[in-house]
Amino acid sequence: MKFSKLIYSFAGLMIGTALTIGLSAPSDAAEFDLAKARVGDGIPKSLTGKPGNAKKGRSTAIHRKKGNCLACHTLPAPEQADHGNIGPDLRGVASRYKPAELRLRLVSAKTLNPDTIMPSFHLKTGYHRVQKKWQGKTIISAQDVEDILAYLVTLKEK
């Protein structure tokens, strides 16, 4: 009888551990998907499980304190001055990349190009000398990633 109690205790411990791991892994869904994306064509599934809003995405992309894409890229946003030219022009970007590839670039451009200066907008780990207020946080939310992606996929070549 003692042996069977030990087996049940061990089984309970293993199930509890599996549930704990299973419940904690989705809290960092972007990094979980990133591991799969390294060998694939990007991150095919939405980080939030729902589509983004292109209007909100455009607003976030050109917002100087959120996405701040204009710091390095040119976008079809004539109302904004001083578009960057360090990164590629994003006009027509949806004609050059699939949505899964664009999502990966937003989440972690360094996965594709370790030398890029583009920040990993939706990762919490892998940084050095992070200010306390940013430790354990992402630059933009998963919903922001999906919204910006929804905007970027509207940018097709004419």
C-alpha atoms as a PDB file:
ATOM      1  CA  MET A   1       0.000   0.000   0.000  1.00  0.00           C
ATOM      2  CA  LYS A   2       2.822   2.415   0.704  1.00  0.00           C
ATOM      3  CA  PHE A   3       4.163   1.860  -2.814  1.00  0.00           C
ATOM      4  CA  SER A   4       0.801   2.709  -4.417  1.00  0.00           C
ATOM      5  CA  LYS A   5       0.529   5.897  -2.327  1.00  0.00           C
ATOM      6  CA  LEU A   6       4.004   6.838  -3.513  1.00  0.00           C
ATOM      7  CA  ILE A   7       3.027   6.238  -7.137  1.00  0.00           C
ATOM      8  CA  TYR A   8      -0.147   8.341  -6.734  1.00  0.00           C
ATOM      9  CA  SER A   9       1.834  11.129  -5.053  1.00  0.00           C
ATOM     10  CA  PHE A  10       4.418  11.060  -7.821  1.00  0.00           C
ATOM     11  CA  ALA A  11       1.697  11.044 -10.497  1.00  0.00           C
ATOM     12  CA  GLY A  12      -0.021  13.980  -8.786  1.00  0.00           C
ATOM     13  CA  LEU A  13       3.241  15.876  -8.632  1.00  0.00           C
ATOM     14  CA  MET A  14       3.918  15.243 -12.332  1.00  0.00           C
ATOM     15  CA  ILE A  15       0.391  16.286 -13.353  1.00  0.00           C
ATOM     16  CA  GLY A  16       0.622  19.384 -11.177  1.00  0.00           C
ATOM     17  CA  THR A  17       3.982  20.273 -12.721  1.00  0.00           C
ATOM     18  CA  ALA A  18       2.647  19.723 -16.241  1.00  0.00           C
ATOM     19  CA  LEU A  19      -0.373  21.902 -15.508  1.00  0.00           C
ATOM     20  CA  THR A  20       1.831  24.620 -14.039  1.00  0.00           C
ATOM     21  CA  ILE A  21       4.106  24.579 -17.079  1.00  0.00           C
ATOM     22  CA  GLY A  22       1.115  24.473 -19.410  1.00  0.00           C
ATOM     23  CA  LEU A  23      -0.558  27.396 -17.689  1.00  0.00           C
ATOM     24  CA  SER A  24       2.552  29.548 -17.539  1.00  0.00           C
ATOM     25  CA  ALA A  25       3.813  29.010 -21.089  1.00  0.00           C
ATOM     26  CA  PRO A  26       1.018  30.929 -22.882  1.00  0.00           C
ATOM     27  CA  SER A  27       1.720  34.041 -20.817  1.00  0.00           C
ATOM     28  CA  ASP A  28       4.698  34.577 -23.093  1.00  0.00           C
ATOM     29  CA  ALA A  29       3.083  33.345 -26.291  1.00  0.00           C
ATOM     30  CA  ALA A  30       5.292  35.415 -28.584  1.00  0.00           C
ATOM     31  CA  GLU A  31       8.462  33.767 -27.330  1.00  0.00           C
ATOM     32  CA  PHE A  32       6.869  30.311 -27.582  1.00  0.00           C
ATOM     33  CA  ASP A  33       5.915  31.002 -31.208  1.00  0.00           C
ATOM     34  CA  LEU A  34       9.332  32.526 -31.866  1.00  0.00           C
ATOM     35  CA  ALA A  35      11.044  29.210 -31.166  1.00  0.00           C
ATOM     36  CA  LYS A  36       8.951  27.615 -33.923  1.00  0.00           C
ATOM     37  CA  ALA A  37       9.411  30.590 -36.243  1.00  0.00           C
ATOM     38  CA  ARG A  38      13.189  30.213 -36.348  1.00  0.00           C
ATOM     39  CA  VAL A  39      12.856  27.277 -38.750  1.00  0.00           C
ATOM     40  CA  GLY A  40       9.643  28.315 -40.482  1.00  0.00           C
ATOM     41  CA  ASP A  41       8.331  31.171 -42.537  1.00  0.00           C
ATOM     42  CA  GLY A  42       7.450  33.441 -39.657  1.00  0.00           C
ATOM     43  CA  ILE A  43       4.751  33.432 -37.014  1.00  0.00           C
ATOM     44  CA  PRO A  44       1.604  32.245 -38.816  1.00  0.00           C
ATOM     45  CA  LYS A  45      -0.926  32.620 -36.008  1.00  0.00           C
ATOM     46  CA  SER A  46      -2.184  35.755 -34.326  1.00  0.00           C
ATOM     47  CA  LEU A  47      -0.540  36.446 -30.965  1.00  0.00           C
ATOM     48  CA  THR A  48      -3.953  37.338 -29.543  1.00  0.00           C
ATOM     49  CA  GLY A  49      -6.123  34.802 -31.369  1.00  0.00           C
ATOM     50  CA  LYS A  50      -7.989  37.570 -33.147  1.00  0.00           C
ATOM     51  CA  PRO A  51      -7.285  39.833 -36.118  1.00  0.00           C
ATOM     52  CA  GLY A  52      -5.849  43.293 -35.751  1.00  0.00           C
ATOM     53  CA  ASN A  53      -7.424  46.650 -36.558  1.00  0.00           C
ATOM     54  CA  ALA A  54      -5.661  48.391 -39.464  1.00  0.00           C
ATOM     55  CA  LYS A  55      -6.763  51.885 -38.396  1.00  0.00           C
ATOM     56  CA  LYS A  56      -5.363  51.402 -34.884  1.00  0.00           C
ATOM     57  CA  GLY A  57      -2.259  49.811 -36.386  1.00  0.00           C
ATOM     58  CA  ARG A  58      -1.548  52.822 -38.571  1.00  0.00           C
ATOM     59  CA  SER A  59      -1.961  55.090 -35.564  1.00  0.00           C
ATOM     60  CA  THR A  60       0.441  52.966 -33.483  1.00  0.00           C
ATOM     61  CA  ALA A  61       2.982  52.659 -36.306  1.00  0.00           C
ATOM     62  CA  ILE A  62       3.281  56.427 -36.756  1.00  0.00           C
ATOM     63  CA  HIS A  63       3.001  57.264 -33.039  1.00  0.00           C
ATOM     64  CA  ARG A  64       6.413  58.596 -31.988  1.00  0.00           C
ATOM     65  CA  LYS A  65       6.248  57.054 -28.483  1.00  0.00           C
ATOM     66  CA  LYS A  66       4.754  53.655 -29.382  1.00  0.00           C
ATOM     67  CA  GLY A  67       5.625  51.912 -32.641  1.00  0.00           C
ATOM     68  CA  ASN A  68       7.733  54.816 -33.900  1.00  0.00           C
ATOM     69  CA  CYS A  69       8.211  53.070 -37.260  1.00  0.00           C
ATOM     70  CA  LEU A  70       8.849  56.470 -38.857  1.00  0.00           C
ATOM     71  CA  ALA A  71      12.132  56.776 -36.986  1.00  0.00           C
ATOM     72  CA  CYS A  72      13.651  54.331 -39.473  1.00  0.00           C
ATOM     73  CA  HIS A  73      11.088  53.720 -42.232  1.00  0.00           C
ATOM     74  CA  THR A  74       9.115  55.673 -44.810  1.00  0.00           C
ATOM     75  CA  LEU A  75       5.365  55.068 -44.669  1.00  0.00           C
ATOM     76  CA  PRO A  76       2.421  56.497 -46.582  1.00  0.00           C
ATOM     77  CA  ALA A  77       1.780  59.050 -43.832  1.00  0.00           C
ATOM     78  CA  PRO A  78       2.132  62.474 -45.466  1.00  0.00           C
ATOM     79  CA  GLU A  79       0.804  64.223 -42.347  1.00  0.00           C
ATOM     80  CA  GLN A  80       3.964  63.164 -40.500  1.00  0.00           C
ATOM     81  CA  ALA A  81       7.273  64.875 -41.164  1.00  0.00           C
ATOM     82  CA  ASP A  82      10.733  63.339 -41.019  1.00  0.00           C
ATOM     83  CA  HIS A  83      10.377  59.763 -42.197  1.00  0.00           C
ATOM     84  CA  GLY A  84      13.464  57.644 -41.657  1.00  0.00           C
ATOM     85  CA  ASN A  85      15.595  56.064 -44.347  1.00  0.00           C
ATOM     86  CA  ILE A  86      17.718  53.629 -42.322  1.00  0.00           C
ATOM     87  CA  GLY A  87      15.205  50.796 -42.726  1.00  0.00           C
ATOM     88  CA  PRO A  88      13.447  49.753 -45.911  1.00  0.00           C
ATOM     89  CA  ASP A  89      10.584  51.822 -47.311  1.00  0.00           C
ATOM     90  CA  LEU A  90       7.365  50.216 -46.052  1.00  0.00           C
ATOM     91  CA  ARG A  91       5.206  51.435 -48.905  1.00  0.00           C
ATOM     92  CA  GLY A  92       4.199  48.252 -50.732  1.00  0.00           C
ATOM     93  CA  VAL A  93       5.615  45.986 -47.993  1.00  0.00           C
ATOM     94  CA  ALA A  94       2.626  43.605 -48.206  1.00  0.00           C
ATOM     95  CA  SER A  95       3.593  42.822 -51.792  1.00  0.00           C
ATOM     96  CA  ARG A  96       7.042  41.730 -50.638  1.00  0.00           C
ATOM     97  CA  TYR A  97       6.285  39.715 -47.484  1.00  0.00           C
ATOM     98  CA  LYS A  98       3.644  37.326 -46.208  1.00  0.00           C
ATOM     99  CA  PRO A  99       1.745  38.303 -43.020  1.00  0.00           C
ATOM    100  CA  ALA A 100       3.576  35.596 -41.011  1.00  0.00           C
ATOM    101  CA  GLU A 101       6.939  37.059 -42.074  1.00  0.00           C
ATOM    102  CA  LEU A 102       5.839  40.580 -41.147  1.00  0.00           C
ATOM    103  CA  ARG A 103       4.587  39.382 -37.742  1.00  0.00           C
ATOM    104  CA  LEU A 104       7.989  37.787 -37.060  1.00  0.00           C
ATOM    105  CA  ARG A 105       9.753  41.017 -38.050  1.00  0.00           C
ATOM    106  CA  LEU A 106       7.593  42.960 -35.586  1.00  0.00           C
ATOM    107  CA  VAL A 107       8.060  40.456 -32.778  1.00  0.00           C
ATOM    108  CA  SER A 108      11.796  39.876 -33.296  1.00  0.00           C
ATOM    109  CA  ALA A 109      13.586  41.149 -36.396  1.00  0.00           C
ATOM    110  CA  LYS A 110      16.845  39.856 -34.898  1.00  0.00           C
ATOM    111  CA  THR A 111      15.639  36.296 -35.486  1.00  0.00           C
ATOM    112  CA  LEU A 112      16.017  36.953 -39.208  1.00  0.00           C
ATOM    113  CA  ASN A 113      18.979  39.328 -39.053  1.00  0.00           C
ATOM    114  CA  PRO A 114      21.061  39.338 -35.854  1.00  0.00           C
ATOM    115  CA  ASP A 115      22.783  42.558 -36.965  1.00  0.00           C
ATOM    116  CA  THR A 116      19.620  44.614 -37.442  1.00  0.00           C
ATOM    117  CA  ILE A 117      19.099  47.685 -35.291  1.00  0.00           C
ATOM    118  CA  MET A 118      15.330  47.158 -35.369  1.00  0.00           C
ATOM    119  CA  PRO A 119      14.165  46.400 -31.836  1.00  0.00           C
ATOM    120  CA  SER A 120      12.298  43.243 -30.931  1.00  0.00           C
ATOM    121  CA  PHE A 121       8.980  44.883 -30.185  1.00  0.00           C
ATOM    122  CA  HIS A 122       7.308  41.947 -28.451  1.00  0.00           C
ATOM    123  CA  LEU A 123       9.942  40.037 -26.495  1.00  0.00           C
ATOM    124  CA  LYS A 124      10.537  40.208 -22.764  1.00  0.00           C
ATOM    125  CA  THR A 125      13.900  38.465 -22.594  1.00  0.00           C
ATOM    126  CA  GLY A 126      17.301  38.461 -24.231  1.00  0.00           C
ATOM    127  CA  TYR A 127      18.186  42.083 -23.543  1.00  0.00           C
ATOM    128  CA  HIS A 128      21.129  43.574 -21.678  1.00  0.00           C
ATOM    129  CA  ARG A 129      21.161  46.658 -19.431  1.00  0.00           C
ATOM    130  CA  VAL A 130      17.383  47.141 -19.448  1.00  0.00           C
ATOM    131  CA  GLN A 131      15.960  50.063 -17.442  1.00  0.00           C
ATOM    132  CA  LYS A 132      13.990  48.869 -14.416  1.00  0.00           C
ATOM    133  CA  LYS A 133      10.707  50.239 -15.776  1.00  0.00           C
ATOM    134  CA  TRP A 134      11.085  48.013 -18.896  1.00  0.00           C
ATOM    135  CA  GLN A 135      12.270  44.788 -17.224  1.00  0.00           C
ATOM    136  CA  GLY A 136       9.896  41.921 -18.001  1.00  0.00           C
ATOM    137  CA  LYS A 137       7.849  44.103 -20.357  1.00  0.00           C
ATOM    138  CA  THR A 138       7.456  44.320 -24.105  1.00  0.00           C
ATOM    139  CA  ILE A 139       7.749  47.529 -26.119  1.00  0.00           C
ATOM    140  CA  ILE A 140       4.284  47.044 -27.591  1.00  0.00           C
ATOM    141  CA  SER A 141       1.466  44.669 -26.701  1.00  0.00           C
ATOM    142  CA  ALA A 142       0.452  41.569 -28.636  1.00  0.00           C
ATOM    143  CA  GLN A 143      -2.641  43.460 -29.789  1.00  0.00           C
ATOM    144  CA  ASP A 144      -0.445  46.325 -31.020  1.00  0.00           C
ATOM    145  CA  VAL A 145       1.567  43.783 -33.052  1.00  0.00           C
ATOM    146  CA  GLU A 146      -1.642  42.471 -34.621  1.00  0.00           C
ATOM    147  CA  ASP A 147      -2.957  45.978 -35.288  1.00  0.00           C
ATOM    148  CA  ILE A 148       0.291  47.112 -36.949  1.00  0.00           C
ATOM    149  CA  LEU A 149       0.318  43.901 -38.977  1.00  0.00           C
ATOM    150  CA  ALA A 150      -3.285  44.567 -40.090  1.00  0.00           C
ATOM    151  CA  TYR A 151      -2.124  47.985 -41.304  1.00  0.00           C
ATOM    152  CA  LEU A 152       1.025  46.708 -43.004  1.00  0.00           C
ATOM    153  CA  VAL A 153      -0.880  44.086 -45.012  1.00  0.00           C
ATOM    154  CA  THR A 154      -2.903  46.913 -46.578  1.00  0.00           C
ATOM    155  CA  LEU A 155       0.300  48.413 -48.026  1.00  0.00           C
ATOM    156  CA  LYS A 156       0.420  46.722 -51.438  1.00  0.00           C
ATOM    157  CA  GLU A 157       2.213  47.897 -54.545  1.00  0.00           C
ATOM    158  CA  LYS A 158      -0.048  49.494 -57.109  1.00  0.00           C
END
